[in-house]
């Protein structure tokens, strides 16, 4: 179970919508990876299997290390002039780059 990470109704609905187009048994994976101009970036992918260290909420997987970095965060799905995307409000973030794709902790 993923604790201390909130998912808005919009985010859950969009994840459900995306998974409905994938093979049965697919998962939506959220991870934090090194990269980008500020050091870290969020990664959203699909996966067919759970790993031993994965935390699971409905059909959402987050590895333990990423979940620790996401504590207190809210995952939302937003529509803006530049398009639609998942947006994570993470209180542990110290700064982010100008384009908003990467951040530092």
C-alpha atoms as a PDB file:
ATOM      1  CA  UNK A   1       0.000   0.000   0.000  1.00  0.00           C
ATOM      2  CA  UNK A   2       1.311   3.449  -0.916  1.00  0.00           C
ATOM      3  CA  UNK A   3       1.063   5.701   2.123  1.00  0.00           C
ATOM      4  CA  UNK A   4       1.552   9.434   2.419  1.00  0.00           C
ATOM      5  CA  UNK A   5       1.049   9.988  -1.332  1.00  0.00           C
ATOM      6  CA  UNK A   6      -2.297  11.447  -2.391  1.00  0.00           C
ATOM      7  CA  UNK A   7      -3.868  10.817  -5.786  1.00  0.00           C
ATOM      8  CA  UNK A   8      -6.573  13.211  -6.982  1.00  0.00           C
ATOM      9  CA  UNK A   9      -9.719  11.826  -8.580  1.00  0.00           C
ATOM     10  CA  UNK A  10      -8.573  13.268 -11.932  1.00  0.00           C
ATOM     11  CA  UNK A  11      -5.250  11.424 -11.699  1.00  0.00           C
ATOM     12  CA  UNK A  12      -6.888   8.121 -10.746  1.00  0.00           C
ATOM     13  CA  UNK A  13      -9.441   8.474 -13.555  1.00  0.00           C
ATOM     14  CA  UNK A  14      -6.704   9.182 -16.128  1.00  0.00           C
ATOM     15  CA  UNK A  15      -4.572   6.259 -14.906  1.00  0.00           C
ATOM     16  CA  UNK A  16      -7.624   3.987 -15.158  1.00  0.00           C
ATOM     17  CA  UNK A  17      -8.324   5.315 -18.664  1.00  0.00           C
ATOM     18  CA  UNK A  18      -4.727   4.699 -19.797  1.00  0.00           C
ATOM     19  CA  UNK A  19      -4.650   1.191 -18.303  1.00  0.00           C
ATOM     20  CA  UNK A  20      -7.934   0.318 -20.057  1.00  0.00           C
ATOM     21  CA  UNK A  21      -6.005   0.583 -23.346  1.00  0.00           C
ATOM     22  CA  UNK A  22      -3.224  -1.761 -22.183  1.00  0.00           C
ATOM     23  CA  UNK A  23      -3.139  -5.527 -21.788  1.00  0.00           C
ATOM     24  CA  UNK A  24      -4.974  -6.892 -18.762  1.00  0.00           C
ATOM     25  CA  UNK A  25      -2.668  -7.148 -15.762  1.00  0.00           C
ATOM     26  CA  UNK A  26      -0.685  -4.022 -16.685  1.00  0.00           C
ATOM     27  CA  UNK A  27       0.399  -1.553 -14.021  1.00  0.00           C
ATOM     28  CA  UNK A  28       1.033   2.202 -14.107  1.00  0.00           C
ATOM     29  CA  UNK A  29       4.497   2.882 -12.658  1.00  0.00           C
ATOM     30  CA  UNK A  30       5.679   6.160 -11.129  1.00  0.00           C
ATOM     31  CA  UNK A  31       9.404   6.523 -10.462  1.00  0.00           C
ATOM     32  CA  UNK A  32      11.989   9.175  -9.719  1.00  0.00           C
ATOM     33  CA  UNK A  33      15.095   8.860 -11.870  1.00  0.00           C
ATOM     34  CA  UNK A  34      18.336  10.803 -11.979  1.00  0.00           C
ATOM     35  CA  UNK A  35      18.526  13.236 -14.879  1.00  0.00           C
ATOM     36  CA  UNK A  36      17.394  16.545 -16.234  1.00  0.00           C
ATOM     37  CA  UNK A  37      19.075  19.868 -15.585  1.00  0.00           C
ATOM     38  CA  UNK A  38      18.139  19.906 -11.866  1.00  0.00           C
ATOM     39  CA  UNK A  39      19.145  16.344 -10.951  1.00  0.00           C
ATOM     40  CA  UNK A  40      15.909  14.302 -10.807  1.00  0.00           C
ATOM     41  CA  UNK A  41      12.833  13.796 -12.952  1.00  0.00           C
ATOM     42  CA  UNK A  42       9.552  11.911 -12.694  1.00  0.00           C
ATOM     43  CA  UNK A  43       9.007   8.924 -14.939  1.00  0.00           C
ATOM     44  CA  UNK A  44       5.585   7.509 -15.838  1.00  0.00           C
ATOM     45  CA  UNK A  45       5.603   4.092 -17.541  1.00  0.00           C
ATOM     46  CA  UNK A  46       3.608   0.888 -17.857  1.00  0.00           C
ATOM     47  CA  UNK A  47       4.816  -2.393 -16.432  1.00  0.00           C
ATOM     48  CA  UNK A  48       3.626  -5.984 -16.630  1.00  0.00           C
ATOM     49  CA  UNK A  49       5.134  -7.155 -13.338  1.00  0.00           C
ATOM     50  CA  UNK A  50       5.684  -6.077  -9.749  1.00  0.00           C
ATOM     51  CA  UNK A  51       9.159  -6.066  -8.212  1.00  0.00           C
ATOM     52  CA  UNK A  52       9.850  -7.162  -4.627  1.00  0.00           C
ATOM     53  CA  UNK A  53      10.364  -3.588  -3.401  1.00  0.00           C
ATOM     54  CA  UNK A  54       7.309  -2.109  -5.180  1.00  0.00           C
ATOM     55  CA  UNK A  55       4.553  -0.447  -3.223  1.00  0.00           C
ATOM     56  CA  UNK A  56       1.130  -0.985  -4.739  1.00  0.00           C
ATOM     57  CA  UNK A  57      -2.065   1.103  -4.748  1.00  0.00           C
ATOM     58  CA  UNK A  58      -4.803  -0.192  -7.023  1.00  0.00           C
ATOM     59  CA  UNK A  59      -2.881  -0.719 -10.298  1.00  0.00           C
ATOM     60  CA  UNK A  60      -0.196   1.870  -9.469  1.00  0.00           C
ATOM     61  CA  UNK A  61       3.347   0.797  -8.617  1.00  0.00           C
ATOM     62  CA  UNK A  62       6.068   2.897  -6.998  1.00  0.00           C
ATOM     63  CA  UNK A  63       9.441   1.453  -6.029  1.00  0.00           C
ATOM     64  CA  UNK A  64      10.443   1.929  -2.369  1.00  0.00           C
ATOM     65  CA  UNK A  65      13.212   4.475  -3.052  1.00  0.00           C
ATOM     66  CA  UNK A  66      10.913   6.646  -5.195  1.00  0.00           C
ATOM     67  CA  UNK A  67       8.087   6.348  -2.648  1.00  0.00           C
ATOM     68  CA  UNK A  68      10.397   7.714   0.066  1.00  0.00           C
ATOM     69  CA  UNK A  69      11.162  10.733  -2.157  1.00  0.00           C
ATOM     70  CA  UNK A  70       7.439  11.199  -2.889  1.00  0.00           C
ATOM     71  CA  UNK A  71       6.245  11.237   0.763  1.00  0.00           C
ATOM     72  CA  UNK A  72       3.701  13.996   1.270  1.00  0.00           C
ATOM     73  CA  UNK A  73       3.202  14.488  -2.483  1.00  0.00           C
ATOM     74  CA  UNK A  74      -0.010  14.891  -4.430  1.00  0.00           C
ATOM     75  CA  UNK A  75      -0.348  13.375  -7.896  1.00  0.00           C
ATOM     76  CA  UNK A  76      -2.794  15.238 -10.130  1.00  0.00           C
ATOM     77  CA  UNK A  77      -3.740  15.284 -13.805  1.00  0.00           C
ATOM     78  CA  UNK A  78      -4.010  18.807 -15.213  1.00  0.00           C
ATOM     79  CA  UNK A  79      -5.115  20.440 -18.453  1.00  0.00           C
ATOM     80  CA  UNK A  80      -3.192  23.586 -19.382  1.00  0.00           C
ATOM     81  CA  UNK A  81      -2.741  25.614 -22.550  1.00  0.00           C
ATOM     82  CA  UNK A  82       0.397  23.627 -23.388  1.00  0.00           C
ATOM     83  CA  UNK A  83      -1.382  20.300 -22.992  1.00  0.00           C
ATOM     84  CA  UNK A  84      -2.428  17.699 -20.459  1.00  0.00           C
ATOM     85  CA  UNK A  85      -0.056  15.952 -18.076  1.00  0.00           C
ATOM     86  CA  UNK A  86       0.427  14.408 -14.685  1.00  0.00           C
ATOM     87  CA  UNK A  87       1.635  16.935 -12.141  1.00  0.00           C
ATOM     88  CA  UNK A  88       3.277  16.016  -8.859  1.00  0.00           C
ATOM     89  CA  UNK A  89       3.311  18.569  -6.033  1.00  0.00           C
ATOM     90  CA  UNK A  90       6.198  17.345  -3.886  1.00  0.00           C
ATOM     91  CA  UNK A  91       6.931  19.196  -0.620  1.00  0.00           C
ATOM     92  CA  UNK A  92      10.446  17.696  -0.561  1.00  0.00           C
ATOM     93  CA  UNK A  93      11.431  19.512  -3.771  1.00  0.00           C
ATOM     94  CA  UNK A  94      13.915  22.326  -3.137  1.00  0.00           C
ATOM     95  CA  UNK A  95      13.951  23.744  -6.663  1.00  0.00           C
ATOM     96  CA  UNK A  96      12.960  22.925 -10.223  1.00  0.00           C
ATOM     97  CA  UNK A  97      14.251  23.851 -13.644  1.00  0.00           C
ATOM     98  CA  UNK A  98      12.640  26.538 -15.791  1.00  0.00           C
ATOM     99  CA  UNK A  99      10.811  24.052 -17.994  1.00  0.00           C
ATOM    100  CA  UNK A 100       9.384  22.236 -14.942  1.00  0.00           C
ATOM    101  CA  UNK A 101      10.540  18.788 -16.040  1.00  0.00           C
ATOM    102  CA  UNK A 102      13.317  18.220 -13.495  1.00  0.00           C
ATOM    103  CA  UNK A 103      13.862  19.134  -9.860  1.00  0.00           C
ATOM    104  CA  UNK A 104      16.298  18.890  -6.957  1.00  0.00           C
ATOM    105  CA  UNK A 105      15.776  17.481  -3.481  1.00  0.00           C
END
